[in-house]
Protein backbone atom coordinates (compact mmCIF):
# COMPACT_ATOMS: atom_id res chain seq x y z
CA MET A 1 -62.38 -46.33 -37.02
CA LYS A 2 -60.37 -47.33 -34.20
CA ARG A 3 -59.79 -44.07 -33.08
CA ILE A 4 -62.20 -42.65 -30.12
CA ASN A 5 -62.77 -38.92 -29.42
CA LEU A 6 -61.10 -38.55 -26.04
CA SER A 7 -62.60 -34.84 -24.90
CA PHE A 8 -66.15 -36.35 -25.66
CA TYR A 9 -65.71 -39.13 -23.06
CA VAL A 10 -64.42 -37.17 -20.56
CA LEU A 11 -66.98 -34.63 -21.13
CA LEU A 12 -69.36 -37.67 -20.42
CA LEU A 13 -67.51 -38.81 -17.33
CA SER A 14 -67.17 -35.45 -15.91
CA SER A 15 -70.86 -34.64 -16.61
CA LEU A 16 -72.13 -37.67 -14.62
CA ILE A 17 -69.82 -37.01 -12.12
CA VAL A 18 -70.88 -33.76 -11.36
CA SER A 19 -74.39 -34.62 -11.60
CA PHE A 20 -73.95 -37.44 -8.70
CA VAL A 21 -71.91 -34.87 -6.52
CA LEU A 22 -74.97 -32.43 -7.12
CA THR A 23 -77.48 -34.97 -6.20
CA ALA A 24 -75.60 -36.52 -3.09
CA ILE A 25 -75.46 -33.13 -1.75
CA LEU A 26 -79.25 -32.24 -2.35
CA TYR A 27 -79.67 -35.94 -1.01
CA LYS A 28 -77.82 -35.03 1.89
CA VAL A 29 -79.46 -32.13 3.29
CA SER A 30 -82.64 -33.18 2.28
CA PRO A 31 -83.77 -33.10 5.54
CA LEU A 32 -83.01 -29.14 6.15
CA PHE A 33 -86.16 -28.85 3.86
CA THR A 34 -88.94 -29.47 6.31
CA SER A 35 -86.56 -28.18 9.46
CA LYS A 36 -87.96 -25.17 10.93
CA SER A 37 -84.77 -24.20 12.40
CA LEU A 38 -81.24 -24.75 11.22
CA PHE A 39 -78.08 -24.43 12.60
CA LEU A 40 -74.32 -24.07 11.44
CA CYS A 41 -71.72 -25.16 13.96
CA GLN A 42 -68.37 -24.16 13.57
CA LYS A 43 -65.83 -26.00 16.02
CA PHE A 44 -63.25 -25.45 14.35
CA ILE A 45 -63.58 -21.42 14.17
CA SER A 46 -65.26 -21.01 17.70
CA ASP A 47 -67.23 -22.64 20.05
CA ILE A 48 -70.69 -20.46 18.57
CA MET A 49 -73.62 -21.64 16.82
CA VAL A 50 -74.93 -19.70 13.49
CA GLU A 51 -78.34 -19.78 12.63
CA ILE A 52 -78.85 -20.37 8.84
CA PRO A 53 -81.41 -18.19 7.00
CA ARG A 54 -84.49 -20.31 6.70
CA PRO A 55 -84.77 -19.79 3.02
CA PHE A 56 -81.26 -21.78 2.37
CA PRO A 57 -83.12 -25.05 1.74
CA ASN A 58 -85.36 -23.25 -1.18
CA ILE A 59 -82.34 -21.92 -2.56
CA LEU A 60 -80.19 -24.77 -2.92
CA MET A 61 -83.70 -26.46 -4.65
CA LEU A 62 -83.57 -23.42 -6.92
CA ALA A 63 -79.75 -23.55 -7.82
CA VAL A 64 -80.48 -27.19 -8.87
CA GLY A 65 -83.53 -26.64 -10.73
CA VAL A 66 -81.70 -23.87 -12.47
CA VAL A 67 -79.15 -26.08 -13.56
CA LEU A 68 -81.54 -28.98 -14.64
CA GLY A 69 -83.93 -26.34 -16.39
CA ALA A 70 -80.73 -24.61 -18.43
CA GLY A 71 -80.08 -28.42 -19.75
CA LEU A 72 -83.41 -28.95 -20.74
CA LEU A 73 -84.19 -25.87 -22.30
CA SER A 74 -80.67 -26.23 -24.53
CA PHE A 75 -81.68 -29.63 -25.28
CA SER A 76 -84.80 -28.74 -26.85
CA VAL A 77 -84.08 -25.33 -28.45
CA GLN A 78 -81.47 -27.38 -30.50
CA LEU A 79 -83.24 -30.10 -31.76
CA ILE A 80 -86.47 -27.25 -32.51
CA LYS A 81 -84.01 -25.36 -34.18
CA THR A 82 -82.78 -28.12 -36.04
CA HIS A 83 -86.11 -29.45 -37.08
CA ILE A 84 -87.26 -26.27 -38.52
CA PHE A 85 -84.53 -25.33 -40.32
CA LEU A 86 -84.46 -28.90 -42.08
CA ARG A 87 -87.89 -28.34 -42.77
CA LYS A 88 -87.68 -25.59 -44.77
CA LEU A 89 -84.17 -26.64 -46.79
CA LEU A 90 -85.81 -30.00 -47.06
CA VAL A 91 -88.84 -28.58 -49.37
CA LYS A 92 -85.95 -27.95 -51.98
CA LYS A 93 -84.95 -31.37 -52.23
CA ILE A 94 -84.35 -32.81 -55.96
CA PRO A 95 -83.37 -36.30 -57.29
CA ILE A 96 -79.81 -37.44 -57.35
CA SER A 97 -78.52 -37.67 -60.69
CA PRO A 98 -76.73 -40.98 -61.82
CA ALA A 99 -73.45 -39.72 -61.75
CA ILE A 100 -73.68 -39.04 -57.75
CA VAL A 101 -75.65 -42.43 -57.07
CA LYS A 102 -72.74 -44.28 -58.66
CA ILE A 103 -70.46 -42.33 -56.22
CA LEU A 104 -73.01 -43.21 -53.47
CA GLU A 105 -72.87 -46.64 -54.16
CA THR A 106 -69.15 -46.74 -54.05
CA LEU A 107 -69.24 -45.33 -50.88
CA LYS A 108 -72.35 -47.32 -49.60
CA LEU A 109 -73.93 -44.16 -48.67
CA THR A 110 -76.73 -45.52 -50.72
CA ASN A 111 -80.04 -43.97 -49.52
CA LYS A 112 -78.16 -41.95 -46.56
CA VAL A 113 -77.50 -38.61 -48.68
CA VAL A 114 -80.35 -35.49 -49.50
CA LEU A 115 -79.24 -33.50 -52.15
CA VAL A 116 -81.16 -29.81 -51.84
CA LYS A 117 -81.02 -27.42 -54.10
CA ASP A 118 -79.27 -23.82 -53.03
CA ASP A 119 -76.34 -22.32 -54.66
CA THR A 120 -74.38 -21.98 -51.47
CA LEU A 121 -71.10 -25.02 -50.78
CA PHE A 122 -72.24 -26.80 -47.95
CA SER A 123 -73.17 -30.33 -46.30
CA PHE A 124 -73.23 -31.56 -43.04
CA CYS A 125 -74.27 -34.98 -41.29
CA CYS A 126 -77.74 -34.59 -38.93
CA GLY A 127 -80.41 -36.86 -37.47
CA ILE A 128 -80.11 -38.65 -33.71
CA PHE A 129 -81.56 -42.18 -34.06
CA SER A 130 -81.09 -42.30 -38.22
CA PRO A 131 -78.39 -39.75 -39.33
CA SER A 132 -78.37 -38.94 -42.75
CA ILE A 133 -75.87 -36.27 -44.91
CA VAL A 134 -77.60 -33.80 -46.91
CA VAL A 135 -75.29 -31.89 -49.78
CA SER A 136 -76.53 -28.96 -51.90
CA THR A 137 -75.99 -28.81 -55.67
CA GLY A 138 -73.63 -25.79 -55.34
CA LEU A 139 -71.19 -27.90 -53.62
CA VAL A 140 -71.64 -30.62 -56.24
CA LYS A 141 -71.29 -28.32 -59.08
CA SER A 142 -68.24 -26.62 -57.40
CA LEU A 143 -66.14 -29.97 -56.35
CA THR A 144 -64.60 -32.39 -58.82
CA THR A 145 -65.33 -36.14 -58.29
CA GLU A 146 -62.45 -36.90 -56.15
CA GLU A 147 -63.54 -33.26 -54.28
CA LEU A 148 -66.84 -34.36 -53.76
CA GLU A 149 -66.13 -37.90 -52.75
CA ALA A 150 -63.76 -36.59 -49.89
CA VAL A 151 -66.26 -34.37 -48.68
CA LEU A 152 -68.40 -37.35 -48.66
CA LEU A 153 -66.55 -39.55 -46.46
CA HIS A 154 -65.99 -36.88 -44.23
CA GLU A 155 -69.36 -36.40 -43.62
CA GLN A 156 -69.72 -40.37 -43.43
CA SER A 157 -67.57 -40.29 -40.32
CA HIS A 158 -70.04 -38.21 -38.84
CA LEU A 159 -72.74 -40.69 -39.96
CA ILE A 160 -70.70 -43.86 -38.48
CA ARG A 161 -69.90 -42.16 -35.44
CA ARG A 162 -73.15 -41.07 -34.79
CA ASP A 163 -71.32 -37.17 -33.85
CA PRO A 164 -74.93 -35.18 -34.28
CA ALA A 165 -76.09 -37.28 -30.92
CA LYS A 166 -72.50 -36.62 -29.34
CA VAL A 167 -72.77 -33.02 -30.21
CA LEU A 168 -76.48 -32.49 -29.13
CA LEU A 169 -74.75 -33.95 -25.32
CA GLY A 170 -71.60 -31.91 -25.63
CA LYS A 171 -74.19 -28.39 -26.29
CA THR A 172 -76.91 -29.73 -23.50
CA PHE A 173 -73.85 -30.53 -21.06
CA SER A 174 -72.07 -27.33 -21.26
CA ALA A 175 -75.14 -25.23 -21.10
CA MET A 176 -76.21 -27.48 -18.16
CA PHE A 177 -73.12 -26.88 -16.14
CA PHE A 178 -72.49 -23.45 -17.31
CA PHE A 179 -70.96 -22.18 -13.75
CA LEU A 180 -67.89 -24.56 -14.95
CA PRO A 181 -66.44 -23.15 -18.21
CA ILE A 182 -64.42 -26.38 -18.85
CA PHE A 183 -67.34 -28.05 -19.98
CA ARG A 184 -67.59 -25.37 -22.80
CA GLU A 185 -64.18 -26.02 -23.42
CA LEU A 186 -64.15 -29.73 -23.30
CA HIS A 187 -67.18 -29.32 -25.78
CA LYS A 188 -65.56 -27.03 -28.53
CA ASP A 189 -62.25 -29.35 -28.40
CA ALA A 190 -64.69 -32.16 -28.49
CA GLU A 191 -66.09 -31.04 -31.94
CA ALA A 192 -62.53 -30.24 -33.11
CA VAL A 193 -61.83 -33.36 -32.77
CA ASN A 194 -64.72 -34.94 -34.65
CA GLU A 195 -63.74 -33.19 -37.70
CA LEU A 196 -60.31 -34.00 -38.06
CA LEU A 197 -60.90 -37.66 -37.17
CA ALA A 198 -63.69 -37.37 -39.80
CA ASP A 199 -60.53 -35.86 -42.11
CA GLN A 200 -58.61 -39.09 -41.34
CA TRP A 201 -61.37 -40.99 -42.42
CA ALA A 202 -61.72 -39.74 -45.62
CA ILE A 203 -57.47 -39.52 -46.36
CA ARG A 204 -57.13 -43.12 -44.91
CA ARG A 205 -60.01 -44.07 -48.18
CA GLN A 206 -59.04 -41.97 -50.71
CA GLU A 207 -54.98 -42.57 -49.43
CA ASN A 208 -54.59 -38.72 -50.19
CA SER A 209 -55.22 -35.28 -48.34
CA SER A 210 -54.93 -33.22 -51.86
CA PHE A 211 -58.85 -33.95 -52.84
CA LEU A 212 -59.99 -33.13 -49.29
CA ARG A 213 -58.12 -30.11 -48.47
CA SER A 214 -58.49 -28.43 -52.09
CA ALA A 215 -62.37 -29.29 -51.54
CA LEU A 216 -62.27 -26.78 -47.94
CA LYS A 217 -59.96 -24.76 -50.04
CA LYS A 218 -63.40 -23.81 -52.38
CA ILE A 219 -65.91 -24.13 -49.66
CA LEU A 220 -63.87 -21.48 -47.53
CA ALA A 221 -63.46 -19.05 -50.74
CA ALA A 222 -67.42 -19.36 -51.58
CA PRO A 223 -69.74 -17.12 -49.22
CA GLU A 224 -70.34 -19.03 -45.95
CA ALA A 225 -73.64 -21.09 -45.66
CA ASN A 226 -75.62 -20.13 -42.29
CA LEU A 227 -76.10 -23.71 -40.68
CA ALA A 228 -76.00 -22.13 -37.20
CA ALA A 229 -79.38 -24.18 -36.40
CA VAL A 230 -77.97 -27.42 -37.43
CA SER A 231 -76.04 -28.70 -34.24
CA ASN A 232 -73.06 -31.05 -36.07
CA ALA A 233 -72.77 -28.49 -39.04
CA SER A 234 -68.92 -28.00 -39.18
CA GLY A 235 -68.45 -23.57 -39.20
CA PRO A 236 -65.61 -21.77 -40.09
CA ASP A 237 -64.26 -21.80 -36.56
CA TYR A 238 -62.59 -25.83 -37.58
CA PHE A 239 -61.28 -24.93 -41.06
CA GLU A 240 -58.54 -23.41 -39.93
CA ILE A 241 -57.62 -26.58 -37.87
CA ARG A 242 -58.35 -28.93 -40.45
CA ILE A 243 -56.28 -26.98 -43.14
CA HIS A 244 -53.23 -27.09 -40.80
CA ARG A 245 -53.40 -30.83 -40.24
CA LEU A 246 -53.88 -31.33 -44.22
CA VAL A 247 -50.81 -29.11 -44.91
CA ASP A 248 -49.05 -30.61 -41.68
CA PRO A 249 -50.22 -33.96 -40.54
CA GLU A 250 -47.65 -33.77 -37.29
CA THR A 251 -49.43 -30.91 -36.36
CA LYS A 252 -50.98 -32.16 -32.91
CA HIS A 253 -54.29 -30.82 -31.46
CA LYS A 254 -54.37 -30.57 -27.59
CA LEU A 255 -56.74 -29.32 -25.42
CA ARG A 256 -55.46 -26.12 -23.37
CA PRO A 257 -57.96 -25.33 -20.37
CA SER A 258 -57.87 -21.66 -19.45
CA SER A 259 -56.68 -20.55 -15.79
CA VAL A 260 -60.84 -19.49 -15.48
CA SER A 261 -61.63 -22.96 -16.38
CA LEU A 262 -59.08 -24.63 -14.00
CA VAL A 263 -59.59 -22.35 -10.79
CA THR A 264 -63.53 -22.88 -10.88
CA SER A 265 -63.26 -26.20 -11.61
CA LEU A 266 -60.98 -26.93 -8.63
CA LEU A 267 -63.03 -24.23 -6.53
CA PHE A 268 -66.07 -26.73 -7.36
CA ILE A 269 -64.03 -29.54 -6.31
CA PHE A 270 -62.92 -28.27 -2.83
CA VAL A 271 -66.67 -27.25 -1.91
CA SER A 272 -68.25 -30.73 -2.75
CA TRP A 273 -65.50 -32.46 -1.34
CA PHE A 274 -66.05 -30.17 2.03
CA SER A 275 -69.67 -30.28 1.87
CA LEU A 276 -69.73 -34.50 1.28
CA GLN A 277 -67.61 -34.50 4.36
CA THR A 278 -69.88 -32.41 6.70
CA PRO A 279 -72.20 -34.06 8.51
CA VAL A 280 -75.52 -33.29 8.61
CA SER A 281 -77.27 -34.24 12.04
CA ALA A 282 -80.84 -34.32 12.98
CA SER A 283 -82.41 -33.72 16.80
CA HIS A 284 -85.91 -33.32 18.39
CA THR A 285 -85.62 -31.08 21.21
CA ASN A 286 -87.78 -31.45 24.99
CA THR A 287 -89.50 -28.68 25.25
CA MET A 288 -90.49 -27.29 21.52
CA ASP A 289 -92.29 -29.96 19.34
CA THR A 290 -90.28 -28.63 15.83
CA ASN A 291 -87.48 -30.29 14.30
CA THR A 292 -83.75 -28.40 14.76
CA TYR A 293 -81.10 -29.48 12.05
CA PHE A 294 -77.36 -28.92 12.50
CA LEU A 295 -74.63 -28.84 9.53
CA CYS A 296 -71.01 -29.23 11.48
CA THR A 297 -68.03 -28.79 9.84
CA HIS A 298 -65.41 -30.50 12.31
CA ASP A 299 -67.04 -33.86 14.14
CA GLN A 300 -69.94 -35.64 15.96
CA ALA A 301 -68.83 -33.56 19.01
CA CYS A 302 -69.33 -30.39 17.44
CA THR A 303 -72.79 -31.80 17.32
CA GLU A 304 -73.09 -32.91 20.45
CA GLU A 305 -72.19 -29.47 21.70
CA CYS A 306 -74.69 -27.32 19.45
CA LYS A 307 -77.17 -29.29 21.22
CA TYR A 308 -76.46 -28.91 24.32
CA ASN A 309 -76.10 -25.29 23.71
CA ILE A 310 -79.78 -25.35 22.38
CA GLU A 311 -81.38 -27.90 24.50
CA GLN A 312 -80.80 -31.24 25.84
CA PRO A 313 -82.33 -33.84 22.65
CA THR A 314 -84.10 -36.83 23.58
CA LYS A 315 -83.26 -38.22 19.77
CA TYR A 316 -80.14 -38.12 17.75
CA ILE A 317 -80.29 -39.49 14.10
CA PRO A 318 -77.26 -39.03 12.21
CA SER A 319 -77.58 -38.35 8.35
CA ASP A 320 -74.20 -38.02 7.10
CA LEU A 321 -73.64 -39.69 3.40
CA PHE A 322 -70.26 -41.31 3.45
CA LEU A 323 -68.75 -41.05 6.88
CA PRO A 324 -69.10 -44.07 9.11
CA GLU A 325 -72.03 -43.61 11.72
CA LYS A 326 -70.37 -42.38 15.42
CA THR A 327 -72.76 -42.72 18.57
CA CYS A 328 -72.68 -40.50 21.02
CA GLU A 329 -71.87 -42.07 24.27
CA LYS A 330 -71.98 -40.31 27.91
CA ASP A 331 -70.46 -41.25 31.22
């Protein structure tokens, strides 16, 4: 299985980058959490100073907490819902017949498949650390041996690639960074690519796409199984994409980001760049036993003017994260 799911790795890399940027911004403005006076110096607009509302640091911390909380909540809900669903479903577990055992031995899936008594047609791969495949008796009865083998090969791909863990991470990141729609679109695309790669795995092993195609048609014609609680279960949203690829292997699947996701992503990049390039300076005044902090939107000269307009400081502590430290020299 040489091909990789590029969308998933783009999603993973983007999540790490956004997490780093948010952490860097939070670290950079950390002095503001202990300050009593906050000033924004806007030299490129005018020489005036604007006092920042005192709750600003708390609002910033609350925003970061919401982001982390959304990710943790999504992760927990997915695990709990999947656990509850499987607990109810596995009560209907039955022994596997010798004919199916022979197929599993041929596919090297021994002890990796669970058969449950259910009239609906479904199969899915689940599990994070030790994934396994769940198949219904309704699916086994409805498919021919070759069709069943094609479905098992499809699920085998998910098992080998550990797609349940990848889908869990993808949903967590898309929930965590809900303010950036591109993450949701990347996650949906990654799920679609997972299904297409699994289909390709089955076709290469069988050297024939007709068995998988006919199995999908039977599953689509049957009543839909409610597998919403299983994070990696393939839903009808992806069946159309899969069938188009099976009918015409030359069909290309491409990620097409929406205009909203592109605009919000560019806006986030601009705001993050501006925040990381803005110097943050701290000083202690002569007459007031309190810390005064400055957010400067131009350069260190702006800081000097801001401090001069308040009171002559006795100490100057630059805390810029990325720009080299500049010293202020007086004649």
